PDB file of N, CA and C in Angstrom:
ATOM      1  N   MET A   1      41.398 -83.274 -21.941  1.00  0.00           N
ATOM      2  CA  MET A   1      42.444 -83.659 -21.332  1.00  0.00           C
ATOM      3  C   MET A   1      42.009 -84.416 -20.002  1.00  0.00           C
ATOM      4  N   PHE A   2      42.780 -85.493 -19.835  1.00  0.00           N
ATOM      5  CA  PHE A   2      42.487 -86.217 -18.556  1.00  0.00           C
ATOM      6  C   PHE A   2      43.829 -86.530 -17.828  1.00  0.00           C
ATOM      7  N   THR A   3      44.011 -86.290 -16.581  1.00  0.00           N
ATOM      8  CA  THR A   3      45.157 -86.471 -15.765  1.00  0.00           C
ATOM      9  C   THR A   3      44.939 -87.194 -14.530  1.00  0.00           C
ATOM     10  N   CYS A   4      45.979 -87.944 -14.080  1.00  0.00           N
ATOM     11  CA  CYS A   4      46.082 -88.626 -12.810  1.00  0.00           C
ATOM     12  C   CYS A   4      47.546 -88.590 -12.316  1.00  0.00           C
ATOM     13  N   GLN A   5      47.873 -87.555 -11.587  1.00  0.00           N
ATOM     14  CA  GLN A   5      49.220 -87.331 -11.221  1.00  0.00           C
ATOM     15  C   GLN A   5      49.576 -87.721  -9.940  1.00  0.00           C
ATOM     16  N   GLY A   6      48.843 -88.406  -9.100  1.00  0.00           N
ATOM     17  CA  GLY A   6      49.282 -88.933  -7.747  1.00  0.00           C
ATOM     18  C   GLY A   6      49.854 -87.806  -6.934  1.00  0.00           C
ATOM     19  N   GLU A   7      51.145 -87.992  -6.373  1.00  0.00           N
ATOM     20  CA  GLU A   7      51.693 -86.917  -5.586  1.00  0.00           C
ATOM     21  C   GLU A   7      52.742 -86.145  -6.263  1.00  0.00           C
ATOM     22  N   ARG A   8      52.839 -86.292  -7.531  1.00  0.00           N
ATOM     23  CA  ARG A   8      53.747 -85.573  -8.409  1.00  0.00           C
ATOM     24  C   ARG A   8      53.266 -84.242  -8.732  1.00  0.00           C
ATOM     25  N   GLY A   9      54.149 -83.364  -9.217  1.00  0.00           N
ATOM     26  CA  GLY A   9      54.046 -82.099  -9.754  1.00  0.00           C
ATOM     27  C   GLY A   9      53.846 -80.879  -8.817  1.00  0.00           C
ATOM     28  N   TYR A  10      53.983 -81.076  -7.510  1.00  0.00           N
ATOM     29  CA  TYR A  10      53.824 -79.885  -6.563  1.00  0.00           C
ATOM     30  C   TYR A  10      55.028 -78.809  -6.790  1.00  0.00           C
ATOM     31  N   ARG A  11      54.878 -77.661  -6.835  1.00  0.00           N
ATOM     32  CA  ARG A  11      55.844 -76.564  -6.641  1.00  0.00           C
ATOM     33  C   ARG A  11      55.618 -75.719  -5.549  1.00  0.00           C
ATOM     34  N   ASP A  12      56.663 -75.162  -4.909  1.00  0.00           N
ATOM     35  CA  ASP A  12      56.549 -74.116  -3.800  1.00  0.00           C
ATOM     36  C   ASP A  12      56.195 -72.691  -4.529  1.00  0.00           C
ATOM     37  N   MET A  13      55.133 -72.203  -4.143  1.00  0.00           N
ATOM     38  CA  MET A  13      54.731 -70.856  -4.690  1.00  0.00           C
ATOM     39  C   MET A  13      55.162 -69.743  -3.637  1.00  0.00           C
ATOM     40  N   LEU A  14      54.876 -69.926  -2.385  1.00  0.00           N
ATOM     41  CA  LEU A  14      55.247 -69.067  -1.408  1.00  0.00           C
ATOM     42  C   LEU A  14      55.495 -69.806  -0.248  1.00  0.00           C
ATOM     43  N   PRO A  15      56.211 -69.251   0.847  1.00  0.00           N
ATOM     44  CA  PRO A  15      56.546 -70.156   2.030  1.00  0.00           C
ATOM     45  C   PRO A  15      55.017 -70.557   2.541  1.00  0.00           C
ATOM     46  N   GLY A  16      54.788 -71.949   2.811  1.00  0.00           N
ATOM     47  CA  GLY A  16      53.625 -72.477   3.354  1.00  0.00           C
ATOM     48  C   GLY A  16      52.685 -72.839   2.280  1.00  0.00           C
ATOM     49  N   VAL A  17      52.979 -72.612   0.923  1.00  0.00           N
ATOM     50  CA  VAL A  17      52.006 -72.954  -0.121  1.00  0.00           C
ATOM     51  C   VAL A  17      52.731 -73.654  -1.069  1.00  0.00           C
ATOM     52  N   ARG A  18      52.033 -74.770  -1.483  1.00  0.00           N
ATOM     53  CA  ARG A  18      52.610 -75.719  -2.471  1.00  0.00           C
ATOM     54  C   ARG A  18      51.324 -75.957  -3.402  1.00  0.00           C
ATOM     55  N   MET A  19      51.574 -75.939  -4.804  1.00  0.00           N
ATOM     56  CA  MET A  19      50.722 -75.857  -5.604  1.00  0.00           C
ATOM     57  C   MET A  19      50.855 -76.886  -6.807  1.00  0.00           C
ATOM     58  N   ARG A  20      49.966 -77.330  -7.418  1.00  0.00           N
ATOM     59  CA  ARG A  20      50.191 -78.244  -8.708  1.00  0.00           C
ATOM     60  C   ARG A  20      48.920 -77.999  -9.533  1.00  0.00           C
ATOM     61  N   THR A  21      49.184 -77.852 -10.749  1.00  0.00           N
ATOM     62  CA  THR A  21      48.209 -77.676 -11.966  1.00  0.00           C
ATOM     63  C   THR A  21      47.856 -78.869 -12.224  1.00  0.00           C
ATOM     64  N   VAL A  22      46.383 -79.392 -12.176  1.00  0.00           N
ATOM     65  CA  VAL A  22      46.065 -80.684 -12.505  1.00  0.00           C
ATOM     66  C   VAL A  22      45.280 -80.749 -13.810  1.00  0.00           C
ATOM     67  N   ALA A  23      44.736 -79.730 -14.383  1.00  0.00           N
ATOM     68  CA  ALA A  23      44.065 -79.819 -15.773  1.00  0.00           C
ATOM     69  C   ALA A  23      44.109 -78.262 -16.123  1.00  0.00           C
ATOM     70  N   TRP A  24      44.065 -78.240 -17.466  1.00  0.00           N
ATOM     71  CA  TRP A  24      43.967 -76.848 -18.138  1.00  0.00           C
ATOM     72  C   TRP A  24      43.480 -77.006 -19.597  1.00  0.00           C
ATOM     73  N   GLY A  25      42.890 -76.097 -20.033  1.00  0.00           N
ATOM     74  CA  GLY A  25      42.345 -75.893 -21.291  1.00  0.00           C
ATOM     75  C   GLY A  25      42.916 -74.570 -21.960  1.00  0.00           C
ATOM     76  N   GLU A  26      42.077 -74.303 -22.968  1.00  0.00           N
ATOM     77  CA  GLU A  26      42.362 -72.918 -23.769  1.00  0.00           C
ATOM     78  C   GLU A  26      41.915 -71.698 -22.990  1.00  0.00           C
ATOM     79  N   LYS A  27      40.926 -71.871 -22.100  1.00  0.00           N
ATOM     80  CA  LYS A  27      40.368 -70.772 -21.355  1.00  0.00           C
ATOM     81  C   LYS A  27      40.285 -70.927 -19.791  1.00  0.00           C
ATOM     82  N   SER A  28      40.705 -72.039 -19.278  1.00  0.00           N
ATOM     83  CA  SER A  28      40.614 -72.062 -17.797  1.00  0.00           C
ATOM     84  C   SER A  28      41.773 -73.107 -17.241  1.00  0.00           C
ATOM     85  N   LEU A  29      41.741 -73.028 -15.937  1.00  0.00           N
ATOM     86  CA  LEU A  29      42.928 -73.888 -15.312  1.00  0.00           C
ATOM     87  C   LEU A  29      42.340 -74.467 -14.045  1.00  0.00           C
ATOM     88  N   LEU A  30      42.796 -75.548 -13.471  1.00  0.00           N
ATOM     89  CA  LEU A  30      42.440 -76.195 -12.312  1.00  0.00           C
ATOM     90  C   LEU A  30      43.660 -76.572 -11.553  1.00  0.00           C
ATOM     91  N   SER A  31      43.723 -76.000 -10.194  1.00  0.00           N
ATOM     92  CA  SER A  31      44.979 -76.315  -9.484  1.00  0.00           C
ATOM     93  C   SER A  31      44.689 -76.790  -8.091  1.00  0.00           C
ATOM     94  N   GLU A  32      45.525 -77.533  -7.418  1.00  0.00           N
ATOM     95  CA  GLU A  32      45.391 -78.170  -6.206  1.00  0.00           C
ATOM     96  C   GLU A  32      46.377 -77.161  -5.197  1.00  0.00           C
ATOM     97  N   PHE A  33      46.048 -76.722  -4.148  1.00  0.00           N
ATOM     98  CA  PHE A  33      46.922 -76.043  -3.350  1.00  0.00           C
ATOM     99  C   PHE A  33      46.914 -76.889  -1.980  1.00  0.00           C
ATOM    100  N   LEU A  34      48.182 -76.974  -1.332  1.00  0.00           N
ATOM    101  CA  LEU A  34      48.509 -77.329   0.051  1.00  0.00           C
ATOM    102  C   LEU A  34      48.955 -76.225   0.864  1.00  0.00           C
ATOM    103  N   LEU A  35      48.107 -75.800   1.822  1.00  0.00           N
ATOM    104  CA  LEU A  35      48.441 -74.646   2.453  1.00  0.00           C
ATOM    105  C   LEU A  35      48.882 -75.006   4.104  1.00  0.00           C
ATOM    106  N   ALA A  36      49.837 -74.518   4.489  1.00  0.00           N
ATOM    107  CA  ALA A  36      50.256 -74.999   5.939  1.00  0.00           C
ATOM    108  C   ALA A  36      49.746 -73.905   6.890  1.00  0.00           C
ATOM    109  N   LYS A  37      49.507 -74.510   8.102  1.00  0.00           N
ATOM    110  CA  LYS A  37      48.879 -73.736   9.171  1.00  0.00           C
ATOM    111  C   LYS A  37      49.754 -72.549   9.510  1.00  0.00           C
ATOM    112  N   GLY A  38      49.245 -71.258   9.600  1.00  0.00           N
ATOM    113  CA  GLY A  38      49.826 -70.225   9.909  1.00  0.00           C
ATOM    114  C   GLY A  38      50.392 -69.333   8.794  1.00  0.00           C
ATOM    115  N   THR A  39      50.147 -69.868   7.610  1.00  0.00           N
ATOM    116  CA  THR A  39      50.469 -69.105   6.277  1.00  0.00           C
ATOM    117  C   THR A  39      49.473 -68.008   6.101  1.00  0.00           C
ATOM    118  N   VAL A  40      49.943 -66.907   5.830  1.00  0.00           N
ATOM    119  CA  VAL A  40      49.113 -65.623   5.549  1.00  0.00           C
ATOM    120  C   VAL A  40      49.303 -65.258   3.966  1.00  0.00           C
ATOM    121  N   LEU A  41      48.377 -65.317   3.128  1.00  0.00           N
ATOM    122  CA  LEU A  41      48.454 -64.960   1.743  1.00  0.00           C
ATOM    123  C   LEU A  41      48.034 -63.379   1.838  1.00  0.00           C
ATOM    124  N   PRO A  42      48.949 -62.522   1.497  1.00  0.00           N
ATOM    125  CA  PRO A  42      48.536 -61.093   1.584  1.00  0.00           C
ATOM    126  C   PRO A  42      47.441 -60.663   0.607  1.00  0.00           C
ATOM    127  N   MET A  43      46.883 -59.489   0.914  1.00  0.00           N
ATOM    128  CA  MET A  43      45.857 -58.998   0.121  1.00  0.00           C
ATOM    129  C   MET A  43      46.393 -58.609  -1.253  1.00  0.00           C
ATOM    130  N   HIS A  44      45.688 -59.196  -2.288  1.00  0.00           N
ATOM    131  CA  HIS A  44      46.050 -58.992  -3.682  1.00  0.00           C
ATOM    132  C   HIS A  44      44.973 -59.132  -4.579  1.00  0.00           C
ATOM    133  N   SER A  45      45.134 -58.814  -5.905  1.00  0.00           N
ATOM    134  CA  SER A  45      44.108 -59.071  -6.876  1.00  0.00           C
ATOM    135  C   SER A  45      44.693 -59.541  -8.260  1.00  0.00           C
ATOM    136  N   HIS A  46      43.959 -60.005  -9.130  1.00  0.00           N
ATOM    137  CA  HIS A  46      44.440 -60.528 -10.341  1.00  0.00           C
ATOM    138  C   HIS A  46      43.168 -60.526 -11.289  1.00  0.00           C
ATOM    139  N   PRO A  47      43.243 -60.497 -12.443  1.00  0.00           N
ATOM    140  CA  PRO A  47      42.222 -60.345 -13.450  1.00  0.00           C
ATOM    141  C   PRO A  47      41.458 -61.576 -13.654  1.00  0.00           C
ATOM    142  N   HIS A  48      41.770 -62.658 -12.955  1.00  0.00           N
ATOM    143  CA  HIS A  48      41.195 -64.080 -13.154  1.00  0.00           C
ATOM    144  C   HIS A  48      40.049 -64.261 -12.075  1.00  0.00           C
ATOM    145  N   GLU A  49      38.976 -64.709 -12.625  1.00  0.00           N
ATOM    146  CA  GLU A  49      37.952 -65.187 -11.636  1.00  0.00           C
ATOM    147  C   GLU A  49      38.400 -66.457 -11.142  1.00  0.00           C
ATOM    148  N   GLN A  50      38.261 -66.558  -9.727  1.00  0.00           N
ATOM    149  CA  GLN A  50      38.825 -67.629  -8.996  1.00  0.00           C
ATOM    150  C   GLN A  50      37.676 -68.301  -8.169  1.00  0.00           C
ATOM    151  N   THR A  51      37.357 -69.525  -8.605  1.00  0.00           N
ATOM    152  CA  THR A  51      36.355 -70.359  -7.975  1.00  0.00           C
ATOM    153  C   THR A  51      37.085 -71.504  -7.228  1.00  0.00           C
ATOM    154  N   GLY A  52      36.697 -71.700  -5.927  1.00  0.00           N
ATOM    155  CA  GLY A  52      37.441 -72.848  -5.269  1.00  0.00           C
ATOM    156  C   GLY A  52      36.451 -73.544  -4.435  1.00  0.00           C
ATOM    157  N   TYR A  53      37.171 -74.732  -3.771  1.00  0.00           N
ATOM    158  CA  TYR A  53      36.383 -75.713  -2.999  1.00  0.00           C
ATOM    159  C   TYR A  53      37.393 -76.161  -1.977  1.00  0.00           C
ATOM    160  N   MET A  54      37.065 -76.250  -0.650  1.00  0.00           N
ATOM    161  CA  MET A  54      37.923 -76.696   0.337  1.00  0.00           C
ATOM    162  C   MET A  54      37.694 -78.151   0.668  1.00  0.00           C
ATOM    163  N   ILE A  55      38.788 -78.854   0.446  1.00  0.00           N
ATOM    164  CA  ILE A  55      38.817 -80.335   0.834  1.00  0.00           C
ATOM    165  C   ILE A  55      38.970 -80.501   2.266  1.00  0.00           C
ATOM    166  N   SER A  56      39.926 -80.043   2.895  1.00  0.00           N
ATOM    167  CA  SER A  56      40.123 -80.162   4.159  1.00  0.00           C
ATOM    168  C   SER A  56      40.782 -78.758   4.831  1.00  0.00           C
ATOM    169  N   GLY A  57      40.719 -78.882   6.213  1.00  0.00           N
ATOM    170  CA  GLY A  57      41.489 -77.638   6.797  1.00  0.00           C
ATOM    171  C   GLY A  57      40.465 -76.483   7.254  1.00  0.00           C
ATOM    172  N   LYS A  58      41.057 -75.388   7.530  1.00  0.00           N
ATOM    173  CA  LYS A  58      40.244 -74.233   8.047  1.00  0.00           C
ATOM    174  C   LYS A  58      41.130 -72.925   7.679  1.00  0.00           C
ATOM    175  N   MET A  59      40.339 -72.007   7.000  1.00  0.00           N
ATOM    176  CA  MET A  59      41.004 -70.856   6.605  1.00  0.00           C
ATOM    177  C   MET A  59      39.898 -69.629   6.687  1.00  0.00           C
ATOM    178  N   THR A  60      40.467 -68.430   6.765  1.00  0.00           N
ATOM    179  CA  THR A  60      39.750 -67.297   6.828  1.00  0.00           C
ATOM    180  C   THR A  60      39.945 -66.413   5.620  1.00  0.00           C
ATOM    181  N   PHE A  61      39.002 -66.169   4.806  1.00  0.00           N
ATOM    182  CA  PHE A  61      39.163 -65.325   3.605  1.00  0.00           C
ATOM    183  C   PHE A  61      38.772 -63.909   3.947  1.00  0.00           C
ATOM    184  N   THR A  62      39.474 -63.132   3.400  1.00  0.00           N
ATOM    185  CA  THR A  62      39.056 -61.618   3.252  1.00  0.00           C
ATOM    186  C   THR A  62      38.941 -61.373   1.808  1.00  0.00           C
ATOM    187  N   ILE A  63      37.602 -60.962   1.452  1.00  0.00           N
ATOM    188  CA  ILE A  63      37.292 -60.671   0.044  1.00  0.00           C
ATOM    189  C   ILE A  63      36.627 -59.280   0.166  1.00  0.00           C
ATOM    190  N   GLY A  64      37.335 -58.371  -0.623  1.00  0.00           N
ATOM    191  CA  GLY A  64      36.843 -57.038  -0.412  1.00  0.00           C
ATOM    192  C   GLY A  64      36.732 -56.522   0.955  1.00  0.00           C
ATOM    193  N   GLU A  65      35.672 -56.181   1.516  1.00  0.00           N
ATOM    194  CA  GLU A  65      35.627 -55.734   3.012  1.00  0.00           C
ATOM    195  C   GLU A  65      34.927 -56.811   3.875  1.00  0.00           C
ATOM    196  N   GLU A  66      34.848 -58.008   3.289  1.00  0.00           N
ATOM    197  CA  GLU A  66      34.008 -59.001   4.014  1.00  0.00           C
ATOM    198  C   GLU A  66      35.025 -60.165   4.355  1.00  0.00           C
ATOM    199  N   ARG A  67      34.744 -60.822   5.582  1.00  0.00           N
ATOM    200  CA  ARG A  67      35.557 -62.007   6.045  1.00  0.00           C
ATOM    201  C   ARG A  67      34.706 -63.274   6.075  1.00  0.00           C
ATOM    202  N   PHE A  68      35.285 -64.317   5.629  1.00  0.00           N
ATOM    203  CA  PHE A  68      34.572 -65.615   5.642  1.00  0.00           C
ATOM    204  C   PHE A  68      35.312 -66.672   6.335  1.00  0.00           C
ATOM    205  N   GLU A  69      34.741 -67.516   6.992  1.00  0.00           N
ATOM    206  CA  GLU A  69      35.514 -68.660   7.498  1.00  0.00           C
ATOM    207  C   GLU A  69      35.274 -69.923   6.653  1.00  0.00           C
ATOM    208  N   ALA A  70      36.266 -70.582   6.170  1.00  0.00           N
ATOM    209  CA  ALA A  70      36.052 -71.626   5.311  1.00  0.00           C
ATOM    210  C   ALA A  70      36.439 -72.982   5.936  1.00  0.00           C
ATOM    211  N   LEU A  71      35.471 -73.921   5.966  1.00  0.00           N
ATOM    212  CA  LEU A  71      35.702 -75.313   6.586  1.00  0.00           C
ATOM    213  C   LEU A  71      35.564 -76.361   5.412  1.00  0.00           C
ATOM    214  N   PRO A  72      35.783 -77.636   5.634  1.00  0.00           N
ATOM    215  CA  PRO A  72      35.761 -78.558   4.515  1.00  0.00           C
ATOM    216  C   PRO A  72      34.191 -78.530   3.892  1.00  0.00           C
ATOM    217  N   GLY A  73      34.271 -78.427   2.631  1.00  0.00           N
ATOM    218  CA  GLY A  73      32.819 -78.422   1.953  1.00  0.00           C
ATOM    219  C   GLY A  73      32.570 -76.992   1.546  1.00  0.00           C
ATOM    220  N   ALA A  74      33.389 -75.903   2.007  1.00  0.00           N
ATOM    221  CA  ALA A  74      32.920 -74.541   1.545  1.00  0.00           C
ATOM    222  C   ALA A  74      33.444 -74.286   0.113  1.00  0.00           C
ATOM    223  N   ALA A  75      32.828 -73.530  -0.648  1.00  0.00           N
ATOM    224  CA  ALA A  75      33.117 -73.093  -1.856  1.00  0.00           C
ATOM    225  C   ALA A  75      33.101 -71.568  -2.075  1.00  0.00           C
ATOM    226  N   TRP A  76      33.754 -70.937  -2.888  1.00  0.00           N
ATOM    227  CA  TRP A  76      33.649 -69.596  -3.064  1.00  0.00           C
ATOM    228  C   TRP A  76      34.065 -69.358  -4.655  1.00  0.00           C
ATOM    229  N   CYS A  77      33.781 -68.083  -4.976  1.00  0.00           N
ATOM    230  CA  CYS A  77      33.960 -67.497  -6.256  1.00  0.00           C
ATOM    231  C   CYS A  77      34.266 -66.082  -6.078  1.00  0.00           C
ATOM    232  N   ILE A  78      35.481 -65.723  -6.589  1.00  0.00           N
ATOM    233  CA  ILE A  78      36.017 -64.394  -6.377  1.00  0.00           C
ATOM    234  C   ILE A  78      36.191 -63.678  -7.657  1.00  0.00           C
ATOM    235  N   PRO A  79      35.473 -62.620  -8.115  1.00  0.00           N
ATOM    236  CA  PRO A  79      35.551 -62.133  -9.327  1.00  0.00           C
ATOM    237  C   PRO A  79      36.826 -61.588  -9.546  1.00  0.00           C
ATOM    238  N   GLY A  80      37.243 -61.517 -10.884  1.00  0.00           N
ATOM    239  CA  GLY A  80      38.308 -61.000 -11.238  1.00  0.00           C
ATOM    240  C   GLY A  80      38.393 -59.428 -10.818  1.00  0.00           C
ATOM    241  N   GLY A  81      39.647 -59.024 -10.317  1.00  0.00           N
ATOM    242  CA  GLY A  81      40.046 -57.636  -9.947  1.00  0.00           C
ATOM    243  C   GLY A  81      39.625 -57.368  -8.448  1.00  0.00           C
ATOM    244  N   VAL A  82      38.940 -58.252  -7.866  1.00  0.00           N
ATOM    245  CA  VAL A  82      38.640 -57.956  -6.267  1.00  0.00           C
ATOM    246  C   VAL A  82      39.774 -58.363  -5.533  1.00  0.00           C
ATOM    247  N   VAL A  83      40.000 -57.457  -4.524  1.00  0.00           N
ATOM    248  CA  VAL A  83      41.125 -57.707  -3.553  1.00  0.00           C
ATOM    249  C   VAL A  83      40.771 -58.664  -2.520  1.00  0.00           C
ATOM    250  N   HIS A  84      41.502 -59.658  -2.259  1.00  0.00           N
ATOM    251  CA  HIS A  84      41.440 -60.755  -1.399  1.00  0.00           C
ATOM    252  C   HIS A  84      42.609 -61.281  -0.821  1.00  0.00           C
ATOM    253  N   GLY A  85      42.530 -61.862   0.301  1.00  0.00           N
ATOM    254  CA  GLY A  85      43.729 -62.547   0.903  1.00  0.00           C
ATOM    255  C   GLY A  85      43.101 -63.692   1.996  1.00  0.00           C
ATOM    256  N   VAL A  86      44.119 -64.463   2.410  1.00  0.00           N
ATOM    257  CA  VAL A  86      43.628 -65.616   3.236  1.00  0.00           C
ATOM    258  C   VAL A  86      44.550 -65.829   4.383  1.00  0.00           C
ATOM    259  N   GLU A  87      43.918 -66.325   5.601  1.00  0.00           N
ATOM    260  CA  GLU A  87      44.799 -66.651   6.665  1.00  0.00           C
ATOM    261  C   GLU A  87      44.529 -68.095   6.883  1.00  0.00           C
ATOM    262  N   VAL A  88      45.561 -69.067   7.053  1.00  0.00           N
ATOM    263  CA  VAL A  88      45.399 -70.419   7.059  1.00  0.00           C
ATOM    264  C   VAL A  88      45.440 -70.756   8.624  1.00  0.00           C
ATOM    265  N   ALA A  89      44.274 -71.294   9.191  1.00  0.00           N
ATOM    266  CA  ALA A  89      44.205 -71.622  10.608  1.00  0.00           C
ATOM    267  C   ALA A  89      44.621 -73.071  10.921  1.00  0.00           C
ATOM    268  N   GLU A  90      44.470 -74.002   9.899  1.00  0.00           N
ATOM    269  CA  GLU A  90      44.916 -75.376   9.888  1.00  0.00           C
ATOM    270  C   GLU A  90      45.564 -75.853   8.539  1.00  0.00           C
ATOM    271  N   ASP A  91      46.374 -76.824   8.731  1.00  0.00           N
ATOM    272  CA  ASP A  91      46.734 -77.330   7.279  1.00  0.00           C
ATOM    273  C   ASP A  91      45.566 -77.425   6.387  1.00  0.00           C
ATOM    274  N   SER A  92      45.685 -76.992   5.266  1.00  0.00           N
ATOM    275  CA  SER A  92      44.491 -77.076   4.292  1.00  0.00           C
ATOM    276  C   SER A  92      44.767 -77.622   2.860  1.00  0.00           C
ATOM    277  N   VAL A  93      43.663 -78.031   2.398  1.00  0.00           N
ATOM    278  CA  VAL A  93      43.901 -78.751   0.848  1.00  0.00           C
ATOM    279  C   VAL A  93      42.644 -77.852   0.177  1.00  0.00           C
ATOM    280  N   VAL A  94      42.888 -77.222  -0.842  1.00  0.00           N
ATOM    281  CA  VAL A  94      41.866 -76.463  -1.551  1.00  0.00           C
ATOM    282  C   VAL A  94      41.985 -76.790  -3.168  1.00  0.00           C
ATOM    283  N   VAL A  95      41.079 -76.829  -3.885  1.00  0.00           N
ATOM    284  CA  VAL A  95      41.103 -76.962  -5.422  1.00  0.00           C
ATOM    285  C   VAL A  95      40.529 -75.746  -5.853  1.00  0.00           C
ATOM    286  N   GLU A  96      41.161 -74.971  -6.836  1.00  0.00           N
ATOM    287  CA  GLU A  96      40.693 -73.752  -7.375  1.00  0.00           C
ATOM    288  C   GLU A  96      40.740 -73.786  -8.998  1.00  0.00           C
ATOM    289  N   ALA A  97      39.752 -73.163  -9.586  1.00  0.00           N
ATOM    290  CA  ALA A  97      39.730 -73.000 -10.977  1.00  0.00           C
ATOM    291  C   ALA A  97      39.983 -71.489 -11.221  1.00  0.00           C
ATOM    292  N   PHE A  98      40.563 -71.215 -12.291  1.00  0.00           N
ATOM    293  CA  PHE A  98      40.973 -69.922 -12.595  1.00  0.00           C
ATOM    294  C   PHE A  98      40.563 -69.629 -14.170  1.00  0.00           C
ATOM    295  N   CYS A  99      39.787 -68.578 -14.302  1.00  0.00           N
ATOM    296  CA  CYS A  99      39.447 -68.152 -15.816  1.00  0.00           C
ATOM    297  C   CYS A  99      39.567 -66.736 -16.150  1.00  0.00           C
ATOM    298  N   PRO A 100      40.220 -66.115 -16.944  1.00  0.00           N
ATOM    299  CA  PRO A 100      40.978 -67.048 -17.958  1.00  0.00           C
ATOM    300  C   PRO A 100      42.265 -67.693 -17.545  1.00  0.00           C
ATOM    301  N   LEU A 101      42.791 -68.399 -18.286  1.00  0.00           N
ATOM    302  CA  LEU A 101      43.916 -69.269 -18.061  1.00  0.00           C
ATOM    303  C   LEU A 101      44.971 -68.502 -17.340  1.00  0.00           C
ATOM    304  N   ARG A 102      45.465 -68.950 -16.240  1.00  0.00           N
ATOM    305  CA  ARG A 102      46.788 -68.318 -15.629  1.00  0.00           C
ATOM    306  C   ARG A 102      48.087 -68.981 -16.142  1.00  0.00           C
ATOM    307  N   GLU A 103      48.618 -68.428 -17.120  1.00  0.00           N
ATOM    308  CA  GLU A 103      49.766 -69.031 -17.813  1.00  0.00           C
ATOM    309  C   GLU A 103      50.868 -69.251 -16.719  1.00  0.00           C
ATOM    310  N   GLU A 104      51.102 -68.482 -15.663  1.00  0.00           N
ATOM    311  CA  GLU A 104      52.069 -68.806 -14.786  1.00  0.00           C
ATOM    312  C   GLU A 104      51.965 -69.887 -13.952  1.00  0.00           C
ATOM    313  N   TYR A 105      50.741 -70.562 -13.902  1.00  0.00           N
ATOM    314  CA  TYR A 105      50.579 -71.710 -13.210  1.00  0.00           C
ATOM    315  C   TYR A 105      50.723 -72.983 -14.051  1.00  0.00           C
ATOM    316  N   LEU A 106      50.973 -72.801 -15.384  1.00  0.00           N
ATOM    317  CA  LEU A 106      51.146 -74.138 -16.270  1.00  0.00           C
ATOM    318  C   LEU A 106      52.294 -74.833 -15.789  1.00  0.00           C
ATOM    319  N   PRO A 107      52.159 -76.255 -15.867  1.00  0.00           N
ATOM    320  CA  PRO A 107      53.562 -76.978 -15.547  1.00  0.00           C
ATOM    321  C   PRO A 107      54.727 -76.572 -16.450  1.00  0.00           C
TER     322      PRO A 107
END
């Protein structure tokens, strides 16, 4: 699959969180997230491994019992089933891959 969506395809996931899925296959999915300053993603878990890369902005992750500050160029991998959350300190853009495929994120 090859895609080039420009600015199309975003949908509101939560207040302050816009997402679009840019590519997917049988076993994985790649999404882009726009997160507004001040947004808090509450602690949660899911069975999907979540690997991400920060394009711009500043966020603080809580992964399990640890906290990490993410700046542009930061990358992470959160194993499936691990409780995590995010506090968005600046408007941020991140790209994340999920495996297995998150069907609820399909366009």
